[in-house]
Amino acid sequence: MYTYKQIGNKYVVSIQNHKEIVKALTVFCEEKNIKSGAIYGIGAIDELTLRFFHPETKKYVDQVFHEQMEIANLTGNISTLNGKVYLHLHITVGRSDYSALAGHLLSATLNGAGEFIVEDFTDTVVRVYDPSIGLNCYKLDE
């Protein structure tokens, strides 16, 4: 699913073509026991599902895009929710007409290279669901 090289507390991760990015990065973090950290990367995809959160309804609306796109930026963080690895990722992609799409990343399938940096903070950061805003938020006061 991926190859990697560790450099200090960071990993250079290359995800195999046609793999789903969020799944591959989640598996990587689980296998390396990364409980908190940061992720960023670039690549090319041909399928993308973005989410948009509506604060009034406290619900996400998903939209799927099927076309070749370049990842201009993928950035996010790693924490845990209910004891499991939780990735919070955002993405900006470029389309063939040079317009861009951006939002919360639910899933994306590689169609070309997928090159990512995963930084391990070597500690645990926990999230809990906050019903007042409808989101999984950091719990840093413990």
C-alpha atoms as a PDB file:
ATOM      1  CA  MET A   1       0.000   0.000   0.000  1.00  0.00           C
ATOM      2  CA  TYR A   2       2.953   2.322   0.701  1.00  0.00           C
ATOM      3  CA  THR A   3       6.703   2.576   1.126  1.00  0.00           C
ATOM      4  CA  TYR A   4       8.401   4.909   3.577  1.00  0.00           C
ATOM      5  CA  LYS A   5      11.665   6.203   4.959  1.00  0.00           C
ATOM      6  CA  GLN A   6      12.031   7.458   8.524  1.00  0.00           C
ATOM      7  CA  ILE A   7      14.123  10.562   9.191  1.00  0.00           C
ATOM      8  CA  GLY A   8      14.101  11.470  12.876  1.00  0.00           C
ATOM      9  CA  ASN A   9      10.479  11.811  13.998  1.00  0.00           C
ATOM     10  CA  LYS A  10       9.281  12.275  10.393  1.00  0.00           C
ATOM     11  CA  TYR A  11       8.394   9.775   7.721  1.00  0.00           C
ATOM     12  CA  VAL A  12       8.517  10.276   3.973  1.00  0.00           C
ATOM     13  CA  VAL A  13       5.628   8.152   2.676  1.00  0.00           C
ATOM     14  CA  SER A  14       4.962   7.154  -0.932  1.00  0.00           C
ATOM     15  CA  ILE A  15       1.509   5.678  -1.422  1.00  0.00           C
ATOM     16  CA  GLN A  16       1.045   3.241  -4.287  1.00  0.00           C
ATOM     17  CA  ASN A  17      -0.881   4.332  -7.363  1.00  0.00           C
ATOM     18  CA  HIS A  18      -4.667   3.734  -7.335  1.00  0.00           C
ATOM     19  CA  LYS A  19      -4.811   3.490  -3.529  1.00  0.00           C
ATOM     20  CA  GLU A  20      -7.148   5.588  -1.407  1.00  0.00           C
ATOM     21  CA  ILE A  21      -5.106   8.233   0.439  1.00  0.00           C
ATOM     22  CA  VAL A  22      -7.004   8.544   3.749  1.00  0.00           C
ATOM     23  CA  LYS A  23      -7.137   4.771   4.204  1.00  0.00           C
ATOM     24  CA  ALA A  24      -3.433   4.354   3.394  1.00  0.00           C
ATOM     25  CA  LEU A  25      -2.361   7.156   5.750  1.00  0.00           C
ATOM     26  CA  THR A  26      -4.606   5.815   8.522  1.00  0.00           C
ATOM     27  CA  VAL A  27      -3.120   2.316   8.151  1.00  0.00           C
ATOM     28  CA  PHE A  28       0.371   3.824   8.164  1.00  0.00           C
ATOM     29  CA  CYS A  29      -0.293   5.733  11.410  1.00  0.00           C
ATOM     30  CA  GLU A  30      -1.847   2.656  13.022  1.00  0.00           C
ATOM     31  CA  GLU A  31       1.087   0.441  12.028  1.00  0.00           C
ATOM     32  CA  LYS A  32       3.652   2.997  13.272  1.00  0.00           C
ATOM     33  CA  ASN A  33       1.604   3.709  16.429  1.00  0.00           C
ATOM     34  CA  ILE A  34       1.440   7.441  15.670  1.00  0.00           C
ATOM     35  CA  LYS A  35      -1.085   8.986  18.093  1.00  0.00           C
ATOM     36  CA  SER A  36      -0.521  12.646  17.238  1.00  0.00           C
ATOM     37  CA  GLY A  37       1.231  14.542  14.517  1.00  0.00           C
ATOM     38  CA  ALA A  38       0.975  16.402  11.253  1.00  0.00           C
ATOM     39  CA  ILE A  39       0.573  15.348   7.632  1.00  0.00           C
ATOM     40  CA  TYR A  40       1.223  17.209   4.408  1.00  0.00           C
ATOM     41  CA  GLY A  41       1.703  16.148   0.837  1.00  0.00           C
ATOM     42  CA  ILE A  42       1.187  16.377  -2.907  1.00  0.00           C
ATOM     43  CA  GLY A  43       0.236  14.043  -5.741  1.00  0.00           C
ATOM     44  CA  ALA A  44      -2.327  13.320  -8.442  1.00  0.00           C
ATOM     45  CA  ILE A  45      -5.824  11.858  -8.059  1.00  0.00           C
ATOM     46  CA  ASP A  46      -8.785  10.943 -10.237  1.00  0.00           C
ATOM     47  CA  GLU A  47     -11.496  10.614  -7.606  1.00  0.00           C
ATOM     48  CA  LEU A  48     -12.193  12.964  -4.707  1.00  0.00           C
ATOM     49  CA  THR A  49     -14.858  13.241  -2.021  1.00  0.00           C
ATOM     50  CA  LEU A  50     -14.972  16.567  -0.200  1.00  0.00           C
ATOM     51  CA  ARG A  51     -17.053  17.385   2.848  1.00  0.00           C
ATOM     52  CA  PHE A  52     -18.505  20.732   3.833  1.00  0.00           C
ATOM     53  CA  PHE A  53     -19.737  21.291   7.393  1.00  0.00           C
ATOM     54  CA  HIS A  54     -22.840  23.408   7.943  1.00  0.00           C
ATOM     55  CA  PRO A  55     -22.766  24.825  11.506  1.00  0.00           C
ATOM     56  CA  GLU A  56     -26.506  25.538  11.506  1.00  0.00           C
ATOM     57  CA  THR A  57     -27.463  21.898  10.943  1.00  0.00           C
ATOM     58  CA  LYS A  58     -24.269  20.379  12.426  1.00  0.00           C
ATOM     59  CA  LYS A  59     -24.104  18.096   9.398  1.00  0.00           C
ATOM     60  CA  TYR A  60     -21.644  17.462   6.601  1.00  0.00           C
ATOM     61  CA  VAL A  61     -22.599  17.494   2.945  1.00  0.00           C
ATOM     62  CA  ASP A  62     -20.375  15.358   0.720  1.00  0.00           C
ATOM     63  CA  GLN A  63     -19.621  15.877  -2.954  1.00  0.00           C
ATOM     64  CA  VAL A  64     -17.760  13.471  -5.244  1.00  0.00           C
ATOM     65  CA  PHE A  65     -15.596  14.547  -8.199  1.00  0.00           C
ATOM     66  CA  HIS A  66     -14.390  12.144 -10.918  1.00  0.00           C
ATOM     67  CA  GLU A  67     -11.618  13.720 -12.999  1.00  0.00           C
ATOM     68  CA  GLN A  68      -7.845  13.946 -13.094  1.00  0.00           C
ATOM     69  CA  MET A  69      -6.623  16.512 -10.532  1.00  0.00           C
ATOM     70  CA  GLU A  70      -3.298  17.602  -9.032  1.00  0.00           C
ATOM     71  CA  ILE A  71      -3.018  17.856  -5.250  1.00  0.00           C
ATOM     72  CA  ALA A  72      -1.699  21.371  -4.752  1.00  0.00           C
ATOM     73  CA  ASN A  73      -1.743  20.864  -1.000  1.00  0.00           C
ATOM     74  CA  LEU A  74      -2.912  18.264   1.478  1.00  0.00           C
ATOM     75  CA  THR A  75      -2.503  19.239   5.095  1.00  0.00           C
ATOM     76  CA  GLY A  76      -3.853  17.910   8.339  1.00  0.00           C
ATOM     77  CA  ASN A  77      -3.306  16.495  11.770  1.00  0.00           C
ATOM     78  CA  ILE A  78      -3.296  13.188  13.576  1.00  0.00           C
ATOM     79  CA  SER A  79      -4.989  12.525  16.902  1.00  0.00           C
ATOM     80  CA  THR A  80      -7.131   9.819  18.514  1.00  0.00           C
ATOM     81  CA  LEU A  81     -10.888   9.535  18.878  1.00  0.00           C
ATOM     82  CA  ASN A  82     -12.299   6.781  21.090  1.00  0.00           C
ATOM     83  CA  GLY A  83      -8.825   5.237  21.224  1.00  0.00           C
ATOM     84  CA  LYS A  84      -8.422   4.984  17.436  1.00  0.00           C
ATOM     85  CA  VAL A  85      -6.271   6.964  15.000  1.00  0.00           C
ATOM     86  CA  TYR A  86      -8.186   9.982  13.701  1.00  0.00           C
ATOM     87  CA  LEU A  87      -6.989  11.995  10.714  1.00  0.00           C
ATOM     88  CA  HIS A  88      -8.336  15.488  10.074  1.00  0.00           C
ATOM     89  CA  LEU A  89      -7.293  16.387   6.533  1.00  0.00           C
ATOM     90  CA  HIS A  90      -7.969  19.270   4.173  1.00  0.00           C
ATOM     91  CA  ILE A  91      -7.051  19.347   0.507  1.00  0.00           C
ATOM     92  CA  THR A  92      -6.711  21.794  -2.355  1.00  0.00           C
ATOM     93  CA  VAL A  93      -6.668  20.325  -5.856  1.00  0.00           C
ATOM     94  CA  GLY A  94      -6.115  21.818  -9.274  1.00  0.00           C
ATOM     95  CA  ARG A  95      -8.339  20.899 -12.199  1.00  0.00           C
ATOM     96  CA  SER A  96      -7.385  20.718 -15.872  1.00  0.00           C
ATOM     97  CA  ASP A  97      -8.890  24.187 -16.452  1.00  0.00           C
ATOM     98  CA  TYR A  98      -6.585  25.522 -13.672  1.00  0.00           C
ATOM     99  CA  SER A  99      -9.450  26.154 -11.282  1.00  0.00           C
ATOM    100  CA  ALA A 100      -9.239  24.753  -7.763  1.00  0.00           C
ATOM    101  CA  LEU A 101     -11.395  22.770  -5.368  1.00  0.00           C
ATOM    102  CA  ALA A 102     -10.791  22.735  -1.644  1.00  0.00           C
ATOM    103  CA  GLY A 103     -12.297  21.398   1.533  1.00  0.00           C
ATOM    104  CA  HIS A 104     -12.354  18.707   4.179  1.00  0.00           C
ATOM    105  CA  LEU A 105     -11.012  15.482   2.659  1.00  0.00           C
ATOM    106  CA  LEU A 106     -13.168  12.395   3.081  1.00  0.00           C
ATOM    107  CA  SER A 107     -11.434  10.265   0.425  1.00  0.00           C
ATOM    108  CA  ALA A 108      -9.235  10.521  -2.680  1.00  0.00           C
ATOM    109  CA  THR A 109      -7.882   7.868  -5.009  1.00  0.00           C
ATOM    110  CA  LEU A 110      -4.403   8.283  -6.432  1.00  0.00           C
ATOM    111  CA  ASN A 111      -3.871   8.333 -10.175  1.00  0.00           C
ATOM    112  CA  GLY A 112      -0.179   9.114 -10.297  1.00  0.00           C
ATOM    113  CA  ALA A 113       2.265   9.832  -7.494  1.00  0.00           C
ATOM    114  CA  GLY A 114       1.313  10.338  -3.857  1.00  0.00           C
ATOM    115  CA  GLU A 115       4.092  11.826  -1.716  1.00  0.00           C
ATOM    116  CA  PHE A 116       3.479  12.702   1.912  1.00  0.00           C
ATOM    117  CA  ILE A 117       5.328  13.713   5.062  1.00  0.00           C
ATOM    118  CA  VAL A 118       4.030  12.359   8.363  1.00  0.00           C
ATOM    119  CA  GLU A 119       5.424  13.922  11.514  1.00  0.00           C
ATOM    120  CA  ASP A 120       5.098  11.971  14.761  1.00  0.00           C
ATOM    121  CA  PHE A 121       4.704  14.201  17.826  1.00  0.00           C
ATOM    122  CA  THR A 122       5.509  11.088  19.975  1.00  0.00           C
ATOM    123  CA  ASP A 123       2.642  11.727  22.401  1.00  0.00           C
ATOM    124  CA  THR A 124      -1.127  11.346  22.307  1.00  0.00           C
ATOM    125  CA  VAL A 125      -3.599  14.079  21.427  1.00  0.00           C
ATOM    126  CA  VAL A 126      -7.230  13.151  22.093  1.00  0.00           C
ATOM    127  CA  ARG A 127     -10.432  14.325  20.430  1.00  0.00           C
ATOM    128  CA  VAL A 128     -13.945  14.163  21.827  1.00  0.00           C
ATOM    129  CA  TYR A 129     -17.275  14.947  20.247  1.00  0.00           C
ATOM    130  CA  ASP A 130     -18.551  18.409  21.195  1.00  0.00           C
ATOM    131  CA  PRO A 131     -22.344  18.367  20.789  1.00  0.00           C
ATOM    132  CA  SER A 132     -22.582  22.159  21.109  1.00  0.00           C
ATOM    133  CA  ILE A 133     -20.828  22.608  17.733  1.00  0.00           C
ATOM    134  CA  GLY A 134     -21.280  19.118  16.281  1.00  0.00           C
ATOM    135  CA  LEU A 135     -17.594  18.376  15.719  1.00  0.00           C
ATOM    136  CA  ASN A 136     -14.830  16.166  17.081  1.00  0.00           C
ATOM    137  CA  CYS A 137     -12.545  18.649  18.835  1.00  0.00           C
ATOM    138  CA  TYR A 138      -9.217  18.475  20.638  1.00  0.00           C
ATOM    139  CA  LYS A 139      -9.377  17.809  24.382  1.00  0.00           C
ATOM    140  CA  LEU A 140      -6.138  19.418  25.535  1.00  0.00           C
ATOM    141  CA  ASP A 141      -6.954  20.323  29.141  1.00  0.00           C
ATOM    142  CA  GLU A 142      -5.981  16.952  30.630  1.00  0.00           C
END
